[in-house]
Amino acid sequence: MGFWAAFGQLVLLAILLGAVTTVVDSVLGVVGLGAMIKKIPVVGSNWTLIVSVLMMYVLDLDLLAYWEITNGDMWSGWMGYIVSGAIVMGMVPMKDAVISMISKGFRM
């Protein structure tokens, strides 16, 4: 996979993360657990990262393959999901910049 394909994949996953976070927050709000979960000190401040890691686990995507980090290496298994989730969460500001650039018609 080339650089731009990997970049596009990461931007699309960041967009998906926004949608998944919105749905999870909505469902937790309906059942009355949203405020309680966000008040837990470690969980509340890292909520987007937690949702991102769970999203990577459910999708079972290997984002580390672009950097040729494969099974048997240090990041395989559960650590791969955590690293992939952190990468996707870190792409959210880049996703915002890409969407802003597209909405402005690629003007500088």
C-alpha atoms as a PDB file:
ATOM      1  CA  MET A   1       0.000   0.000   0.000  1.00  0.00           C
ATOM      2  CA  GLY A   2       1.346   3.391  -0.938  1.00  0.00           C
ATOM      3  CA  PHE A   3       1.652   6.418   1.289  1.00  0.00           C
ATOM      4  CA  TRP A   4      -1.475   8.175   0.034  1.00  0.00           C
ATOM      5  CA  ALA A   5      -3.583   5.039   0.322  1.00  0.00           C
ATOM      6  CA  ALA A   6      -2.428   4.572   3.925  1.00  0.00           C
ATOM      7  CA  PHE A   7      -3.035   8.253   4.647  1.00  0.00           C
ATOM      8  CA  GLY A   8      -6.515   8.051   3.158  1.00  0.00           C
ATOM      9  CA  GLN A   9      -7.248   4.951   5.208  1.00  0.00           C
ATOM     10  CA  LEU A  10      -6.196   6.732   8.395  1.00  0.00           C
ATOM     11  CA  VAL A  11      -8.306   9.803   7.576  1.00  0.00           C
ATOM     12  CA  LEU A  12     -11.334   7.611   6.860  1.00  0.00           C
ATOM     13  CA  LEU A  13     -10.811   5.722  10.116  1.00  0.00           C
ATOM     14  CA  ALA A  14     -10.639   9.045  11.967  1.00  0.00           C
ATOM     15  CA  ILE A  15     -13.968  10.025  10.384  1.00  0.00           C
ATOM     16  CA  LEU A  16     -15.394   6.641  11.401  1.00  0.00           C
ATOM     17  CA  LEU A  17     -14.098   7.185  14.930  1.00  0.00           C
ATOM     18  CA  GLY A  18     -16.104  10.402  15.165  1.00  0.00           C
ATOM     19  CA  ALA A  19     -19.253   8.583  14.077  1.00  0.00           C
ATOM     20  CA  VAL A  20     -18.663   5.626  16.401  1.00  0.00           C
ATOM     21  CA  THR A  21     -17.957   7.905  19.367  1.00  0.00           C
ATOM     22  CA  THR A  22     -21.182   9.817  18.687  1.00  0.00           C
ATOM     23  CA  VAL A  23     -23.226   6.607  18.523  1.00  0.00           C
ATOM     24  CA  VAL A  24     -21.643   5.136  21.672  1.00  0.00           C
ATOM     25  CA  ASP A  25     -22.194   8.404  23.564  1.00  0.00           C
ATOM     26  CA  SER A  26     -25.813   8.483  22.388  1.00  0.00           C
ATOM     27  CA  VAL A  27     -26.493   4.897  23.448  1.00  0.00           C
ATOM     28  CA  LEU A  28     -24.847   5.441  26.832  1.00  0.00           C
ATOM     29  CA  GLY A  29     -26.894   8.614  27.275  1.00  0.00           C
ATOM     30  CA  VAL A  30     -30.127   6.745  26.548  1.00  0.00           C
ATOM     31  CA  VAL A  31     -29.393   4.066  29.147  1.00  0.00           C
ATOM     32  CA  GLY A  32     -28.216   6.703  31.626  1.00  0.00           C
ATOM     33  CA  LEU A  33     -24.573   5.651  31.880  1.00  0.00           C
ATOM     34  CA  GLY A  34     -22.944   8.437  29.847  1.00  0.00           C
ATOM     35  CA  ALA A  35     -22.462  10.937  32.665  1.00  0.00           C
ATOM     36  CA  MET A  36     -21.385   8.267  35.129  1.00  0.00           C
ATOM     37  CA  ILE A  37     -18.722   6.842  32.817  1.00  0.00           C
ATOM     38  CA  LYS A  38     -17.329  10.274  31.936  1.00  0.00           C
ATOM     39  CA  LYS A  39     -16.943  11.096  35.644  1.00  0.00           C
ATOM     40  CA  ILE A  40     -14.520   8.206  36.195  1.00  0.00           C
ATOM     41  CA  PRO A  41     -11.144  10.014  36.270  1.00  0.00           C
ATOM     42  CA  VAL A  42      -9.057   7.834  33.946  1.00  0.00           C
ATOM     43  CA  VAL A  43     -11.894   6.726  31.676  1.00  0.00           C
ATOM     44  CA  GLY A  44     -13.519  10.124  31.226  1.00  0.00           C
ATOM     45  CA  SER A  45     -10.360  11.904  30.158  1.00  0.00           C
ATOM     46  CA  ASN A  46      -9.368   9.137  27.720  1.00  0.00           C
ATOM     47  CA  TRP A  47     -12.803   8.258  26.370  1.00  0.00           C
ATOM     48  CA  THR A  48     -11.925   8.816  22.695  1.00  0.00           C
ATOM     49  CA  LEU A  49      -8.852   6.595  22.996  1.00  0.00           C
ATOM     50  CA  ILE A  50     -10.883   3.825  24.644  1.00  0.00           C
ATOM     51  CA  VAL A  51     -13.524   3.955  21.899  1.00  0.00           C
ATOM     52  CA  SER A  52     -10.787   4.018  19.258  1.00  0.00           C
ATOM     53  CA  VAL A  53      -9.065   0.926  20.682  1.00  0.00           C
ATOM     54  CA  LEU A  54     -12.391  -0.919  20.888  1.00  0.00           C
ATOM     55  CA  MET A  55     -13.169   0.105  17.299  1.00  0.00           C
ATOM     56  CA  MET A  56      -9.833  -1.323  16.122  1.00  0.00           C
ATOM     57  CA  TYR A  57     -10.539  -4.539  18.018  1.00  0.00           C
ATOM     58  CA  VAL A  58     -13.993  -4.924  16.460  1.00  0.00           C
ATOM     59  CA  LEU A  59     -12.750  -4.078  12.948  1.00  0.00           C
ATOM     60  CA  ASP A  60      -9.642  -6.248  13.439  1.00  0.00           C
ATOM     61  CA  LEU A  61      -7.505  -3.947  11.284  1.00  0.00           C
ATOM     62  CA  ASP A  62      -3.724  -4.137  11.161  1.00  0.00           C
ATOM     63  CA  LEU A  63      -2.591  -0.544  10.719  1.00  0.00           C
ATOM     64  CA  LEU A  64       0.957  -1.455  11.622  1.00  0.00           C
ATOM     65  CA  ALA A  65       1.382  -3.496   8.440  1.00  0.00           C
ATOM     66  CA  TYR A  66       2.175  -0.283   6.528  1.00  0.00           C
ATOM     67  CA  TRP A  67       5.345   0.027   8.594  1.00  0.00           C
ATOM     68  CA  GLU A  68       5.989  -3.705   8.113  1.00  0.00           C
ATOM     69  CA  ILE A  69       5.324  -4.519  11.749  1.00  0.00           C
ATOM     70  CA  THR A  70       3.705  -7.944  11.513  1.00  0.00           C
ATOM     71  CA  ASN A  71       2.739 -10.858  13.720  1.00  0.00           C
ATOM     72  CA  GLY A  72       5.527 -12.100  15.923  1.00  0.00           C
ATOM     73  CA  ASP A  73       6.844  -8.610  16.503  1.00  0.00           C
ATOM     74  CA  MET A  74       6.516  -6.666  19.728  1.00  0.00           C
ATOM     75  CA  TRP A  75       3.261  -4.951  18.704  1.00  0.00           C
ATOM     76  CA  SER A  76       1.286  -8.001  17.631  1.00  0.00           C
ATOM     77  CA  GLY A  77      -1.793  -9.122  19.508  1.00  0.00           C
ATOM     78  CA  TRP A  78      -3.539  -6.845  21.981  1.00  0.00           C
ATOM     79  CA  MET A  79      -0.802  -4.214  21.857  1.00  0.00           C
ATOM     80  CA  GLY A  80      -1.412  -3.858  18.128  1.00  0.00           C
ATOM     81  CA  TYR A  81      -5.020  -2.846  18.816  1.00  0.00           C
ATOM     82  CA  ILE A  82      -3.893  -0.260  21.356  1.00  0.00           C
ATOM     83  CA  VAL A  83      -1.271   1.208  19.039  1.00  0.00           C
ATOM     84  CA  SER A  84      -3.693   1.201  16.093  1.00  0.00           C
ATOM     85  CA  GLY A  85      -6.334   2.922  18.220  1.00  0.00           C
ATOM     86  CA  ALA A  86      -3.825   5.554  19.323  1.00  0.00           C
ATOM     87  CA  ILE A  87      -2.784   6.155  15.701  1.00  0.00           C
ATOM     88  CA  VAL A  88      -6.406   6.639  14.616  1.00  0.00           C
ATOM     89  CA  MET A  89      -7.107   8.955  17.538  1.00  0.00           C
ATOM     90  CA  GLY A  90      -3.991  10.932  16.659  1.00  0.00           C
ATOM     91  CA  MET A  91      -5.275  11.377  13.110  1.00  0.00           C
ATOM     92  CA  VAL A  92      -8.375  13.309  14.249  1.00  0.00           C
ATOM     93  CA  PRO A  93      -6.666  16.750  13.988  1.00  0.00           C
ATOM     94  CA  MET A  94      -5.320  15.777  10.555  1.00  0.00           C
ATOM     95  CA  LYS A  95      -8.822  14.708   9.519  1.00  0.00           C
ATOM     96  CA  ASP A  96     -10.128  18.104  10.625  1.00  0.00           C
ATOM     97  CA  ALA A  97      -7.433  19.837   8.559  1.00  0.00           C
ATOM     98  CA  VAL A  98      -8.213  17.734   5.468  1.00  0.00           C
ATOM     99  CA  ILE A  99     -11.949  18.415   5.756  1.00  0.00           C
ATOM    100  CA  SER A 100     -11.268  22.130   6.242  1.00  0.00           C
ATOM    101  CA  MET A 101      -9.040  22.169   3.171  1.00  0.00           C
ATOM    102  CA  ILE A 102     -11.645  20.355   1.075  1.00  0.00           C
ATOM    103  CA  SER A 103     -14.427  22.658   2.256  1.00  0.00           C
ATOM    104  CA  LYS A 104     -12.345  25.695   1.234  1.00  0.00           C
ATOM    105  CA  GLY A 105     -11.842  24.242  -2.238  1.00  0.00           C
ATOM    106  CA  PHE A 106      -8.105  23.603  -1.837  1.00  0.00           C
ATOM    107  CA  ARG A 107      -7.443  27.364  -1.609  1.00  0.00           C
ATOM    108  CA  MET A 108      -4.543  28.584   0.419  1.00  0.00           C
END
